[in-house]
Amino acid sequence: MSSIEKAKGFKKSKPGLWLSIGTSAFGAVSIVKDVKKARGENDTLKLINALVGAAALITGTALLVRELKRLGDDDVLLG
């Protein structure tokens, strides 16, 4: 397997999935800030927007975790 093929498969590898999950954690920080700001301003629409964003983040992370479990031992970067 060439280096280019390994790089293309990084997103579907365990390290790639862990990196994606970590990136989602940074998104959670932004959502928490948005919720606090919306509550402080008593802005219902901004609060709903932040909560919908949180739901999307949770769903995306759950999909990544499921893919990580499915990946098992056949990691593309291991050989």
N, C-alpha and C. Protein backbone atom coordinates (compact mmCIF):
# COMPACT_ATOMS: atom_id res chain seq x y z
N MET A 1 0.85 -1.18 0.00
CA MET A 1 0.00 0.00 0.00
C MET A 1 0.89 1.23 0.00
N SER A 2 0.65 2.15 -0.92
CA SER A 2 1.48 3.34 -1.03
C SER A 2 1.13 4.36 0.06
N SER A 3 2.00 5.33 0.21
CA SER A 3 1.79 6.38 1.21
C SER A 3 0.53 7.18 0.92
N ILE A 4 0.26 7.41 -0.35
CA ILE A 4 -0.92 8.18 -0.73
C ILE A 4 -2.19 7.42 -0.36
N GLU A 5 -2.21 6.12 -0.60
CA GLU A 5 -3.38 5.32 -0.25
C GLU A 5 -3.59 5.30 1.26
N LYS A 6 -2.50 5.24 2.02
CA LYS A 6 -2.62 5.27 3.48
C LYS A 6 -3.16 6.60 3.95
N ALA A 7 -2.70 7.68 3.34
CA ALA A 7 -3.18 9.01 3.72
C ALA A 7 -4.66 9.17 3.40
N LYS A 8 -5.09 8.63 2.28
CA LYS A 8 -6.51 8.72 1.92
C LYS A 8 -7.37 7.91 2.89
N GLY A 9 -6.84 6.84 3.43
CA GLY A 9 -7.58 6.01 4.37
C GLY A 9 -7.51 6.49 5.80
N PHE A 10 -6.82 7.60 6.06
CA PHE A 10 -6.65 8.09 7.43
C PHE A 10 -7.98 8.40 8.10
N LYS A 11 -8.92 8.96 7.35
CA LYS A 11 -10.20 9.34 7.93
C LYS A 11 -10.96 8.12 8.43
N LYS A 12 -10.76 6.98 7.81
CA LYS A 12 -11.45 5.75 8.22
C LYS A 12 -10.61 4.90 9.17
N SER A 13 -9.49 5.43 9.64
CA SER A 13 -8.64 4.69 10.57
C SER A 13 -8.97 5.09 12.01
N LYS A 14 -8.48 4.32 12.96
CA LYS A 14 -8.71 4.64 14.37
C LYS A 14 -8.16 6.02 14.73
N PRO A 15 -6.93 6.34 14.36
CA PRO A 15 -6.43 7.70 14.70
C PRO A 15 -7.26 8.80 14.03
N GLY A 16 -7.69 8.57 12.81
CA GLY A 16 -8.51 9.56 12.11
C GLY A 16 -9.85 9.77 12.80
N LEU A 17 -10.47 8.68 13.24
CA LEU A 17 -11.75 8.79 13.94
C LEU A 17 -11.58 9.47 15.29
N TRP A 18 -10.50 9.14 16.00
CA TRP A 18 -10.23 9.80 17.28
C TRP A 18 -10.00 11.29 17.09
N LEU A 19 -9.31 11.65 16.01
CA LEU A 19 -9.09 13.06 15.70
C LEU A 19 -10.42 13.77 15.43
N SER A 20 -11.31 13.12 14.73
CA SER A 20 -12.63 13.69 14.45
C SER A 20 -13.44 13.88 15.73
N ILE A 21 -13.36 12.91 16.63
CA ILE A 21 -14.06 13.01 17.91
C ILE A 21 -13.49 14.16 18.73
N GLY A 22 -12.17 14.30 18.72
CA GLY A 22 -11.54 15.41 19.44
C GLY A 22 -11.94 16.76 18.87
N THR A 23 -12.05 16.84 17.56
CA THR A 23 -12.49 18.07 16.92
C THR A 23 -13.91 18.41 17.32
N SER A 24 -14.73 17.40 17.48
CA SER A 24 -16.11 17.62 17.92
C SER A 24 -16.15 18.19 19.34
N ALA A 25 -15.19 17.80 20.16
CA ALA A 25 -15.13 18.33 21.53
C ALA A 25 -14.90 19.84 21.52
N PHE A 26 -14.09 20.32 20.58
CA PHE A 26 -13.89 21.76 20.47
C PHE A 26 -15.17 22.46 20.03
N GLY A 27 -15.97 21.80 19.20
CA GLY A 27 -17.25 22.35 18.80
C GLY A 27 -18.22 22.46 19.97
N ALA A 28 -18.10 21.54 20.91
CA ALA A 28 -18.96 21.56 22.09
C ALA A 28 -18.69 22.81 22.93
N VAL A 29 -17.44 23.24 22.99
CA VAL A 29 -17.09 24.45 23.74
C VAL A 29 -17.82 25.65 23.16
N SER A 30 -17.85 25.75 21.85
CA SER A 30 -18.54 26.85 21.18
C SER A 30 -20.05 26.81 21.45
N ILE A 31 -20.62 25.63 21.47
CA ILE A 31 -22.06 25.50 21.71
C ILE A 31 -22.40 25.91 23.14
N VAL A 32 -21.55 25.54 24.09
CA VAL A 32 -21.79 25.93 25.48
C VAL A 32 -21.77 27.45 25.61
N LYS A 33 -20.83 28.10 24.94
CA LYS A 33 -20.76 29.56 24.96
C LYS A 33 -22.03 30.17 24.36
N ASP A 34 -22.50 29.60 23.25
CA ASP A 34 -23.71 30.10 22.61
C ASP A 34 -24.93 29.96 23.52
N VAL A 35 -25.02 28.85 24.23
CA VAL A 35 -26.16 28.63 25.14
C VAL A 35 -26.11 29.65 26.27
N LYS A 36 -24.94 29.87 26.84
CA LYS A 36 -24.81 30.84 27.94
C LYS A 36 -25.17 32.25 27.46
N LYS A 37 -24.71 32.61 26.27
CA LYS A 37 -24.99 33.93 25.72
C LYS A 37 -26.49 34.09 25.46
N ALA A 38 -27.11 33.06 24.89
CA ALA A 38 -28.55 33.12 24.59
C ALA A 38 -29.37 33.23 25.87
N ARG A 39 -28.98 32.52 26.90
CA ARG A 39 -29.70 32.60 28.18
C ARG A 39 -29.54 33.98 28.79
N GLY A 40 -28.31 34.52 28.70
CA GLY A 40 -28.06 35.85 29.26
C GLY A 40 -28.87 36.93 28.57
N GLU A 41 -29.09 36.78 27.29
CA GLU A 41 -29.85 37.75 26.51
C GLU A 41 -31.35 37.42 26.47
N ASN A 42 -31.74 36.33 27.07
CA ASN A 42 -33.13 35.84 27.01
C ASN A 42 -33.63 35.75 25.58
N ASP A 43 -32.77 35.24 24.71
CA ASP A 43 -33.10 35.12 23.28
C ASP A 43 -33.44 33.66 22.99
N THR A 44 -34.72 33.39 22.86
CA THR A 44 -35.20 32.02 22.66
C THR A 44 -34.73 31.45 21.33
N LEU A 45 -34.72 32.27 20.30
CA LEU A 45 -34.33 31.78 18.99
C LEU A 45 -32.85 31.36 18.97
N LYS A 46 -31.98 32.15 19.58
CA LYS A 46 -30.56 31.79 19.66
C LYS A 46 -30.37 30.53 20.51
N LEU A 47 -31.17 30.40 21.55
CA LEU A 47 -31.08 29.21 22.40
C LEU A 47 -31.49 27.96 21.63
N ILE A 48 -32.56 28.06 20.86
CA ILE A 48 -33.01 26.93 20.04
C ILE A 48 -31.93 26.57 19.02
N ASN A 49 -31.33 27.59 18.41
CA ASN A 49 -30.26 27.36 17.44
C ASN A 49 -29.09 26.62 18.08
N ALA A 50 -28.70 27.03 19.28
CA ALA A 50 -27.59 26.38 19.99
C ALA A 50 -27.95 24.94 20.33
N LEU A 51 -29.18 24.70 20.74
CA LEU A 51 -29.59 23.34 21.10
C LEU A 51 -29.66 22.43 19.89
N VAL A 52 -30.09 22.96 18.76
CA VAL A 52 -30.10 22.16 17.52
C VAL A 52 -28.66 21.84 17.12
N GLY A 53 -27.77 22.81 17.27
CA GLY A 53 -26.35 22.56 17.00
C GLY A 53 -25.79 21.49 17.92
N ALA A 54 -26.20 21.52 19.18
CA ALA A 54 -25.75 20.50 20.13
C ALA A 54 -26.25 19.12 19.74
N ALA A 55 -27.49 19.06 19.28
CA ALA A 55 -28.05 17.77 18.85
C ALA A 55 -27.28 17.23 17.65
N ALA A 56 -26.94 18.11 16.72
CA ALA A 56 -26.16 17.68 15.55
C ALA A 56 -24.77 17.20 15.97
N LEU A 57 -24.16 17.89 16.91
CA LEU A 57 -22.84 17.49 17.38
C LEU A 57 -22.89 16.13 18.08
N ILE A 58 -23.90 15.92 18.88
CA ILE A 58 -24.06 14.64 19.59
C ILE A 58 -24.28 13.51 18.59
N THR A 59 -25.12 13.75 17.59
CA THR A 59 -25.39 12.73 16.58
C THR A 59 -24.13 12.40 15.79
N GLY A 60 -23.39 13.43 15.38
CA GLY A 60 -22.15 13.21 14.64
C GLY A 60 -21.12 12.43 15.44
N THR A 61 -21.00 12.76 16.72
CA THR A 61 -20.07 12.05 17.58
C THR A 61 -20.49 10.60 17.77
N ALA A 62 -21.80 10.37 17.91
CA ALA A 62 -22.30 9.00 18.05
C ALA A 62 -22.00 8.18 16.80
N LEU A 63 -22.13 8.80 15.63
CA LEU A 63 -21.80 8.09 14.39
C LEU A 63 -20.31 7.76 14.33
N LEU A 64 -19.46 8.67 14.78
CA LEU A 64 -18.02 8.41 14.79
C LEU A 64 -17.66 7.28 15.75
N VAL A 65 -18.30 7.27 16.92
CA VAL A 65 -18.04 6.20 17.89
C VAL A 65 -18.50 4.86 17.33
N ARG A 66 -19.66 4.85 16.66
CA ARG A 66 -20.14 3.60 16.06
C ARG A 66 -19.16 3.10 15.00
N GLU A 67 -18.65 4.01 14.18
CA GLU A 67 -17.68 3.63 13.15
C GLU A 67 -16.39 3.12 13.80
N LEU A 68 -15.99 3.72 14.90
CA LEU A 68 -14.80 3.28 15.62
C LEU A 68 -14.98 1.86 16.15
N LYS A 69 -16.16 1.56 16.65
CA LYS A 69 -16.45 0.20 17.14
C LYS A 69 -16.46 -0.80 15.99
N ARG A 70 -17.01 -0.40 14.85
CA ARG A 70 -17.08 -1.30 13.69
C ARG A 70 -15.70 -1.57 13.12
N LEU A 71 -14.84 -0.60 13.23
CA LEU A 71 -13.51 -0.71 12.63
C LEU A 71 -12.76 -1.90 13.22
N GLY A 72 -12.87 -2.03 14.53
CA GLY A 72 -12.24 -3.17 15.18
C GLY A 72 -10.75 -3.23 14.95
N ASP A 73 -10.26 -4.40 14.61
CA ASP A 73 -8.82 -4.62 14.45
C ASP A 73 -8.32 -4.42 13.03
N ASP A 74 -9.19 -4.31 12.05
CA ASP A 74 -8.73 -4.18 10.68
C ASP A 74 -8.49 -2.70 10.33
N ASP A 75 -7.55 -2.09 11.03
CA ASP A 75 -7.18 -0.68 10.84
C ASP A 75 -6.35 -0.56 9.56
N VAL A 76 -6.71 0.38 8.69
CA VAL A 76 -6.02 0.51 7.41
C VAL A 76 -4.57 0.98 7.57
N LEU A 77 -4.26 1.68 8.66
CA LEU A 77 -2.88 2.16 8.83
C LEU A 77 -1.95 1.12 9.43
N LEU A 78 -2.51 0.05 9.97
CA LEU A 78 -1.67 -0.96 10.60
C LEU A 78 -1.11 -1.97 9.60
N GLY A 79 -1.58 -1.96 8.42
CA GLY A 79 -0.98 -2.88 7.48
C GLY A 79 -1.93 -3.39 6.50
